[in-house]
PDB file of N, CA and C in Angstrom:
ATOM      1  N   SER A   1      49.724   0.554-137.902  1.00  0.00           N
ATOM      2  CA  SER A   1      49.117  -0.752-137.241  1.00  0.00           C
ATOM      3  C   SER A   1      48.757  -0.354-135.999  1.00  0.00           C
ATOM      4  N   VAL A   2      47.911  -1.488-135.574  1.00  0.00           N
ATOM      5  CA  VAL A   2      47.279  -1.427-134.151  1.00  0.00           C
ATOM      6  C   VAL A   2      47.916  -2.530-133.338  1.00  0.00           C
ATOM      7  N   ILE A   3      48.628  -2.003-132.231  1.00  0.00           N
ATOM      8  CA  ILE A   3      49.267  -2.777-131.143  1.00  0.00           C
ATOM      9  C   ILE A   3      48.167  -3.117-129.971  1.00  0.00           C
ATOM     10  N   ILE A   4      48.015  -4.298-129.769  1.00  0.00           N
ATOM     11  CA  ILE A   4      47.111  -4.525-128.521  1.00  0.00           C
ATOM     12  C   ILE A   4      47.996  -5.205-127.338  1.00  0.00           C
ATOM     13  N   ARG A   5      47.913  -4.591-126.183  1.00  0.00           N
ATOM     14  CA  ARG A   5      48.844  -4.908-125.201  1.00  0.00           C
ATOM     15  C   ARG A   5      48.034  -4.799-123.832  1.00  0.00           C
ATOM     16  N   ARG A   6      48.815  -5.417-122.869  1.00  0.00           N
ATOM     17  CA  ARG A   6      48.055  -5.375-121.370  1.00  0.00           C
ATOM     18  C   ARG A   6      48.041  -3.911-120.899  1.00  0.00           C
ATOM     19  N   PHE A   7      47.168  -3.512-120.068  1.00  0.00           N
ATOM     20  CA  PHE A   7      47.171  -2.308-119.171  1.00  0.00           C
ATOM     21  C   PHE A   7      48.283  -2.124-118.400  1.00  0.00           C
ATOM     22  N   ILE A   8      48.793  -1.022-118.270  1.00  0.00           N
ATOM     23  CA  ILE A   8      49.570  -0.664-117.075  1.00  0.00           C
ATOM     24  C   ILE A   8      49.212   0.622-116.505  1.00  0.00           C
ATOM     25  N   PRO A   9      49.373   0.800-115.255  1.00  0.00           N
ATOM     26  CA  PRO A   9      48.957   1.940-114.405  1.00  0.00           C
ATOM     27  C   PRO A   9      49.161   3.266-115.048  1.00  0.00           C
ATOM     28  N   SER A  10      50.266   3.392-115.745  1.00  0.00           N
ATOM     29  CA  SER A  10      50.528   4.820-116.331  1.00  0.00           C
ATOM     30  C   SER A  10      49.506   5.056-117.548  1.00  0.00           C
ATOM     31  N   ASP A  11      48.824   4.112-118.058  1.00  0.00           N
ATOM     32  CA  ASP A  11      47.728   4.180-118.972  1.00  0.00           C
ATOM     33  C   ASP A  11      46.533   4.928-118.578  1.00  0.00           C
ATOM     34  N   LEU A  12      46.408   5.068-117.329  1.00  0.00           N
ATOM     35  CA  LEU A  12      45.128   5.499-116.656  1.00  0.00           C
ATOM     36  C   LEU A  12      44.629   6.875-117.298  1.00  0.00           C
ATOM     37  N   GLU A  13      45.394   7.772-117.242  1.00  0.00           N
ATOM     38  CA  GLU A  13      44.847   9.226-117.727  1.00  0.00           C
ATOM     39  C   GLU A  13      44.374   9.073-119.342  1.00  0.00           C
ATOM     40  N   LYS A  14      45.033   8.410-120.147  1.00  0.00           N
ATOM     41  CA  LYS A  14      44.583   8.431-121.408  1.00  0.00           C
ATOM     42  C   LYS A  14      43.488   7.514-121.605  1.00  0.00           C
ATOM     43  N   ILE A  15      43.301   6.415-120.802  1.00  0.00           N
ATOM     44  CA  ILE A  15      41.948   5.510-120.777  1.00  0.00           C
ATOM     45  C   ILE A  15      40.906   6.340-120.436  1.00  0.00           C
ATOM     46  N   LEU A  16      41.082   7.230-119.432  1.00  0.00           N
ATOM     47  CA  LEU A  16      39.933   8.089-119.001  1.00  0.00           C
ATOM     48  C   LEU A  16      39.549   9.160-120.054  1.00  0.00           C
ATOM     49  N   GLN A  17      40.511   9.521-120.557  1.00  0.00           N
ATOM     50  CA  GLN A  17      40.111  10.445-121.746  1.00  0.00           C
ATOM     51  C   GLN A  17      39.413   9.873-122.882  1.00  0.00           C
ATOM     52  N   VAL A  18      39.923   8.889-123.184  1.00  0.00           N
ATOM     53  CA  VAL A  18      39.240   8.008-124.344  1.00  0.00           C
ATOM     54  C   VAL A  18      37.849   7.734-123.897  1.00  0.00           C
ATOM     55  N   PHE A  19      37.764   7.171-122.706  1.00  0.00           N
ATOM     56  CA  PHE A  19      36.251   7.019-122.057  1.00  0.00           C
ATOM     57  C   PHE A  19      35.356   8.155-122.269  1.00  0.00           C
ATOM     58  N   GLU A  20      35.769   9.233-121.639  1.00  0.00           N
ATOM     59  CA  GLU A  20      35.104  10.341-121.632  1.00  0.00           C
ATOM     60  C   GLU A  20      34.616  10.960-122.961  1.00  0.00           C
ATOM     61  N   GLU A  21      35.582  10.959-123.898  1.00  0.00           N
ATOM     62  CA  GLU A  21      35.399  11.366-125.106  1.00  0.00           C
ATOM     63  C   GLU A  21      34.395  10.622-125.865  1.00  0.00           C
ATOM     64  N   ALA A  22      34.471   9.275-125.693  1.00  0.00           N
ATOM     65  CA  ALA A  22      33.523   8.383-126.329  1.00  0.00           C
ATOM     66  C   ALA A  22      31.948   8.551-125.708  1.00  0.00           C
ATOM     67  N   VAL A  23      31.907   8.603-124.416  1.00  0.00           N
ATOM     68  CA  VAL A  23      30.706   8.937-124.050  1.00  0.00           C
ATOM     69  C   VAL A  23      30.014  10.320-124.239  1.00  0.00           C
ATOM     70  N   ARG A  24      30.783  11.265-124.201  1.00  0.00           N
ATOM     71  CA  ARG A  24      30.347  12.696-124.600  1.00  0.00           C
ATOM     72  C   ARG A  24      30.019  12.884-125.963  1.00  0.00           C
ATOM     73  N   LYS A  25      30.910  12.320-126.764  1.00  0.00           N
ATOM     74  CA  LYS A  25      30.680  12.589-128.273  1.00  0.00           C
ATOM     75  C   LYS A  25      29.911  11.543-128.845  1.00  0.00           C
ATOM     76  N   VAL A  26      30.264  10.225-128.844  1.00  0.00           N
ATOM     77  CA  VAL A  26      29.427   9.294-129.524  1.00  0.00           C
ATOM     78  C   VAL A  26      28.274   8.830-128.878  1.00  0.00           C
ATOM     79  N   GLY A  27      28.469   8.751-127.625  1.00  0.00           N
ATOM     80  CA  GLY A  27      27.186   8.499-126.731  1.00  0.00           C
ATOM     81  C   GLY A  27      26.213   9.369-126.635  1.00  0.00           C
ATOM     82  N   ALA A  28      26.513  10.834-126.974  1.00  0.00           N
ATOM     83  CA  ALA A  28      25.364  11.835-126.963  1.00  0.00           C
ATOM     84  C   ALA A  28      24.600  11.673-128.192  1.00  0.00           C
ATOM     85  N   LYS A  29      24.957  10.730-129.031  1.00  0.00           N
ATOM     86  CA  LYS A  29      24.030  10.617-130.162  1.00  0.00           C
ATOM     87  C   LYS A  29      23.019   9.502-129.834  1.00  0.00           C
ATOM     88  N   TYR A  30      23.307   8.857-128.940  1.00  0.00           N
ATOM     89  CA  TYR A  30      22.354   7.640-128.523  1.00  0.00           C
ATOM     90  C   TYR A  30      21.600   7.627-127.225  1.00  0.00           C
ATOM     91  N   TYR A  31      22.359   8.446-126.320  1.00  0.00           N
ATOM     92  CA  TYR A  31      21.739   8.562-124.943  1.00  0.00           C
ATOM     93  C   TYR A  31      21.346  10.030-124.638  1.00  0.00           C
ATOM     94  N   ASP A  32      20.308  10.041-123.633  1.00  0.00           N
ATOM     95  CA  ASP A  32      19.936  11.583-123.170  1.00  0.00           C
ATOM     96  C   ASP A  32      20.973  12.075-122.277  1.00  0.00           C
ATOM     97  N   PRO A  33      20.994  13.345-122.057  1.00  0.00           N
ATOM     98  CA  PRO A  33      22.098  14.073-121.316  1.00  0.00           C
ATOM     99  C   PRO A  33      22.064  13.631-119.901  1.00  0.00           C
ATOM    100  N   GLU A  34      21.048  13.001-119.319  1.00  0.00           N
ATOM    101  CA  GLU A  34      21.187  12.421-117.896  1.00  0.00           C
ATOM    102  C   GLU A  34      22.006  11.173-117.940  1.00  0.00           C
ATOM    103  N   GLN A  35      21.880  10.521-118.957  1.00  0.00           N
ATOM    104  CA  GLN A  35      22.575   9.100-119.140  1.00  0.00           C
ATOM    105  C   GLN A  35      24.149   9.460-119.276  1.00  0.00           C
ATOM    106  N   VAL A  36      24.334  10.505-120.213  1.00  0.00           N
ATOM    107  CA  VAL A  36      25.714  10.910-120.590  1.00  0.00           C
ATOM    108  C   VAL A  36      26.379  11.413-119.355  1.00  0.00           C
ATOM    109  N   SER A  37      25.806  12.187-118.619  1.00  0.00           N
ATOM    110  CA  SER A  37      26.161  12.765-117.346  1.00  0.00           C
ATOM    111  C   SER A  37      26.405  11.616-116.216  1.00  0.00           C
ATOM    112  N   ALA A  38      25.616  10.669-116.155  1.00  0.00           N
ATOM    113  CA  ALA A  38      25.743   9.628-115.261  1.00  0.00           C
ATOM    114  C   ALA A  38      27.128   8.793-115.530  1.00  0.00           C
ATOM    115  N   TRP A  39      27.387   8.420-116.814  1.00  0.00           N
ATOM    116  CA  TRP A  39      28.533   7.774-117.303  1.00  0.00           C
ATOM    117  C   TRP A  39      29.934   8.675-117.154  1.00  0.00           C
ATOM    118  N   ALA A  40      29.857   9.974-117.609  1.00  0.00           N
ATOM    119  CA  ALA A  40      30.958  10.774-117.591  1.00  0.00           C
ATOM    120  C   ALA A  40      30.503  12.055-116.831  1.00  0.00           C
ATOM    121  N   PRO A  41      30.618  12.139-115.588  1.00  0.00           N
ATOM    122  CA  PRO A  41      30.300  13.290-114.855  1.00  0.00           C
ATOM    123  C   PRO A  41      31.072  14.615-115.164  1.00  0.00           C
ATOM    124  N   LYS A  42      30.475  15.606-115.236  1.00  0.00           N
ATOM    125  CA  LYS A  42      31.292  16.907-115.543  1.00  0.00           C
ATOM    126  C   LYS A  42      32.554  17.019-114.575  1.00  0.00           C
ATOM    127  N   GLY A  43      32.265  16.648-113.341  1.00  0.00           N
ATOM    128  CA  GLY A  43      33.470  16.620-112.234  1.00  0.00           C
ATOM    129  C   GLY A  43      34.550  15.802-112.483  1.00  0.00           C
ATOM    130  N   GLY A  44      34.491  14.977-113.473  1.00  0.00           N
ATOM    131  CA  GLY A  44      35.492  13.771-113.753  1.00  0.00           C
ATOM    132  C   GLY A  44      35.232  12.514-113.082  1.00  0.00           C
ATOM    133  N   LEU A  45      35.910  11.566-113.567  1.00  0.00           N
ATOM    134  CA  LEU A  45      35.697  10.220-113.172  1.00  0.00           C
ATOM    135  C   LEU A  45      36.576   9.942-111.858  1.00  0.00           C
ATOM    136  N   ASP A  46      36.203   8.929-111.169  1.00  0.00           N
ATOM    137  CA  ASP A  46      37.065   8.670-109.717  1.00  0.00           C
ATOM    138  C   ASP A  46      38.228   7.875-110.253  1.00  0.00           C
ATOM    139  N   LYS A  47      39.431   8.533-110.284  1.00  0.00           N
ATOM    140  CA  LYS A  47      40.583   7.826-110.781  1.00  0.00           C
ATOM    141  C   LYS A  47      41.023   6.740-109.891  1.00  0.00           C
ATOM    142  N   GLU A  48      41.005   6.700-108.751  1.00  0.00           N
ATOM    143  CA  GLU A  48      41.300   5.737-107.803  1.00  0.00           C
ATOM    144  C   GLU A  48      40.432   4.359-108.112  1.00  0.00           C
ATOM    145  N   LYS A  49      39.241   4.720-108.296  1.00  0.00           N
ATOM    146  CA  LYS A  49      38.166   3.476-108.502  1.00  0.00           C
ATOM    147  C   LYS A  49      38.515   2.923-109.918  1.00  0.00           C
ATOM    148  N   TRP A  50      38.717   3.680-110.832  1.00  0.00           N
ATOM    149  CA  TRP A  50      39.158   3.122-112.248  1.00  0.00           C
ATOM    150  C   TRP A  50      40.403   2.432-112.160  1.00  0.00           C
ATOM    151  N   LEU A  51      41.573   3.002-111.575  1.00  0.00           N
ATOM    152  CA  LEU A  51      42.757   2.292-111.470  1.00  0.00           C
ATOM    153  C   LEU A  51      42.574   0.956-110.777  1.00  0.00           C
ATOM    154  N   GLN A  52      41.740   0.753-109.653  1.00  0.00           N
ATOM    155  CA  GLN A  52      41.713  -0.455-109.056  1.00  0.00           C
ATOM    156  C   GLN A  52      41.009  -1.355-109.812  1.00  0.00           C
ATOM    157  N   SER A  53      39.924  -0.975-110.565  1.00  0.00           N
ATOM    158  CA  SER A  53      39.042  -1.880-111.366  1.00  0.00           C
ATOM    159  C   SER A  53      39.964  -2.389-112.554  1.00  0.00           C
ATOM    160  N   LEU A  54      40.690  -1.401-113.227  1.00  0.00           N
ATOM    161  CA  LEU A  54      41.536  -1.820-114.497  1.00  0.00           C
ATOM    162  C   LEU A  54      42.585  -2.718-114.024  1.00  0.00           C
ATOM    163  N   SER A  55      43.174  -2.479-112.789  1.00  0.00           N
ATOM    164  CA  SER A  55      44.187  -3.368-112.417  1.00  0.00           C
ATOM    165  C   SER A  55      43.721  -4.715-112.011  1.00  0.00           C
ATOM    166  N   GLN A  56      42.549  -4.716-111.415  1.00  0.00           N
ATOM    167  CA  GLN A  56      42.285  -6.180-110.963  1.00  0.00           C
ATOM    168  C   GLN A  56      41.575  -7.020-112.132  1.00  0.00           C
ATOM    169  N   ASN A  57      40.998  -6.135-113.086  1.00  0.00           N
ATOM    170  CA  ASN A  57      40.510  -6.917-114.175  1.00  0.00           C
ATOM    171  C   ASN A  57      41.569  -7.269-115.209  1.00  0.00           C
ATOM    172  N   ILE A  58      41.123  -8.085-116.311  1.00  0.00           N
ATOM    173  CA  ILE A  58      41.935  -8.448-117.319  1.00  0.00           C
ATOM    174  C   ILE A  58      41.809  -7.361-118.380  1.00  0.00           C
ATOM    175  N   THR A  59      42.680  -6.491-118.512  1.00  0.00           N
ATOM    176  CA  THR A  59      42.515  -5.161-119.390  1.00  0.00           C
ATOM    177  C   THR A  59      43.666  -5.235-120.444  1.00  0.00           C
ATOM    178  N   TYR A  60      43.128  -4.691-121.543  1.00  0.00           N
ATOM    179  CA  TYR A  60      44.000  -4.484-122.671  1.00  0.00           C
ATOM    180  C   TYR A  60      43.793  -3.149-123.174  1.00  0.00           C
ATOM    181  N   VAL A  61      44.829  -2.603-123.792  1.00  0.00           N
ATOM    182  CA  VAL A  61      44.705  -1.251-124.582  1.00  0.00           C
ATOM    183  C   VAL A  61      45.063  -1.573-125.901  1.00  0.00           C
ATOM    184  N   ALA A  62      44.449  -0.616-126.937  1.00  0.00           N
ATOM    185  CA  ALA A  62      44.803  -0.708-128.360  1.00  0.00           C
ATOM    186  C   ALA A  62      45.558   0.484-128.587  1.00  0.00           C
ATOM    187  N   GLU A  63      46.771   0.451-129.311  1.00  0.00           N
ATOM    188  CA  GLU A  63      47.484   1.692-129.479  1.00  0.00           C
ATOM    189  C   GLU A  63      47.700   1.761-131.078  1.00  0.00           C
ATOM    190  N   ILE A  64      47.709   2.998-131.596  1.00  0.00           N
ATOM    191  CA  ILE A  64      48.009   3.374-132.992  1.00  0.00           C
ATOM    192  C   ILE A  64      49.130   4.625-132.793  1.00  0.00           C
ATOM    193  N   ASP A  65      50.382   4.204-133.197  1.00  0.00           N
ATOM    194  CA  ASP A  65      51.376   5.209-133.312  1.00  0.00           C
ATOM    195  C   ASP A  65      51.727   5.700-131.870  1.00  0.00           C
ATOM    196  N   GLY A  66      51.692   4.738-130.966  1.00  0.00           N
ATOM    197  CA  GLY A  66      51.948   5.050-129.496  1.00  0.00           C
ATOM    198  C   GLY A  66      50.989   5.612-128.726  1.00  0.00           C
ATOM    199  N   GLN A  67      49.780   5.819-129.307  1.00  0.00           N
ATOM    200  CA  GLN A  67      48.576   6.402-128.698  1.00  0.00           C
ATOM    201  C   GLN A  67      47.395   5.556-128.338  1.00  0.00           C
ATOM    202  N   ILE A  68      46.961   5.619-127.117  1.00  0.00           N
ATOM    203  CA  ILE A  68      45.906   4.686-126.777  1.00  0.00           C
ATOM    204  C   ILE A  68      44.638   5.122-127.429  1.00  0.00           C
ATOM    205  N   VAL A  69      43.966   4.298-128.128  1.00  0.00           N
ATOM    206  CA  VAL A  69      42.846   4.630-128.950  1.00  0.00           C
ATOM    207  C   VAL A  69      41.555   3.871-128.464  1.00  0.00           C
ATOM    208  N   ALA A  70      41.861   2.861-127.583  1.00  0.00           N
ATOM    209  CA  ALA A  70      40.683   2.027-127.282  1.00  0.00           C
ATOM    210  C   ALA A  70      41.129   1.045-126.131  1.00  0.00           C
ATOM    211  N   PHE A  71      40.315   0.589-125.245  1.00  0.00           N
ATOM    212  CA  PHE A  71      40.599  -0.289-124.177  1.00  0.00           C
ATOM    213  C   PHE A  71      39.369  -1.131-124.002  1.00  0.00           C
ATOM    214  N   GLY A  72      39.633  -2.303-123.204  1.00  0.00           N
ATOM    215  CA  GLY A  72      38.538  -3.181-123.032  1.00  0.00           C
ATOM    216  C   GLY A  72      39.069  -3.941-121.639  1.00  0.00           C
ATOM    217  N   ASP A  73      38.046  -4.250-120.861  1.00  0.00           N
ATOM    218  CA  ASP A  73      38.415  -5.067-119.713  1.00  0.00           C
ATOM    219  C   ASP A  73      37.354  -6.146-119.346  1.00  0.00           C
ATOM    220  N   MET A  74      37.786  -7.194-118.671  1.00  0.00           N
ATOM    221  CA  MET A  74      36.886  -8.168-118.336  1.00  0.00           C
ATOM    222  C   MET A  74      37.196  -8.663-116.882  1.00  0.00           C
ATOM    223  N   THR A  75      36.298  -9.000-116.049  1.00  0.00           N
ATOM    224  CA  THR A  75      36.531  -9.444-114.750  1.00  0.00           C
ATOM    225  C   THR A  75      36.840 -10.909-114.751  1.00  0.00           C
ATOM    226  N   SER A  76      37.322 -11.492-113.699  1.00  0.00           N
ATOM    227  CA  SER A  76      37.638 -12.781-113.642  1.00  0.00           C
ATOM    228  C   SER A  76      36.577 -13.707-113.848  1.00  0.00           C
ATOM    229  N   SER A  77      35.227 -13.295-113.709  1.00  0.00           N
ATOM    230  CA  SER A  77      34.134 -14.099-113.843  1.00  0.00           C
ATOM    231  C   SER A  77      33.603 -13.846-115.192  1.00  0.00           C
ATOM    232  N   GLY A  78      34.260 -13.180-116.170  1.00  0.00           N
ATOM    233  CA  GLY A  78      33.852 -13.061-117.463  1.00  0.00           C
ATOM    234  C   GLY A  78      32.975 -11.920-117.752  1.00  0.00           C
ATOM    235  N   TYR A  79      32.641 -11.062-116.879  1.00  0.00           N
ATOM    236  CA  TYR A  79      31.834  -9.857-117.283  1.00  0.00           C
ATOM    237  C   TYR A  79      32.611  -9.010-118.096  1.00  0.00           C
ATOM    238  N   ILE A  80      32.279  -8.521-119.114  1.00  0.00           N
ATOM    239  CA  ILE A  80      32.971  -7.459-119.946  1.00  0.00           C
ATOM    240  C   ILE A  80      32.600  -6.183-119.666  1.00  0.00           C
TER     241      ILE A  80
END
């Protein structure tokens, strides 16, 4: 079963992994290489920037068997 819960800072590494995999594997089917590279650069994502954003936003993660499989966030102004 899927568990939906609020984000905690220790989720960051797994969220970044889920995001990068989604962009590089699924996104590569729909976007050109430049777009994929812009979203998920080879040098890695800015962890501090991501942590700040996810912490400030209303952020939820979805878990299956204790593993984060998805996440979503929304700003206080409603931007998803």
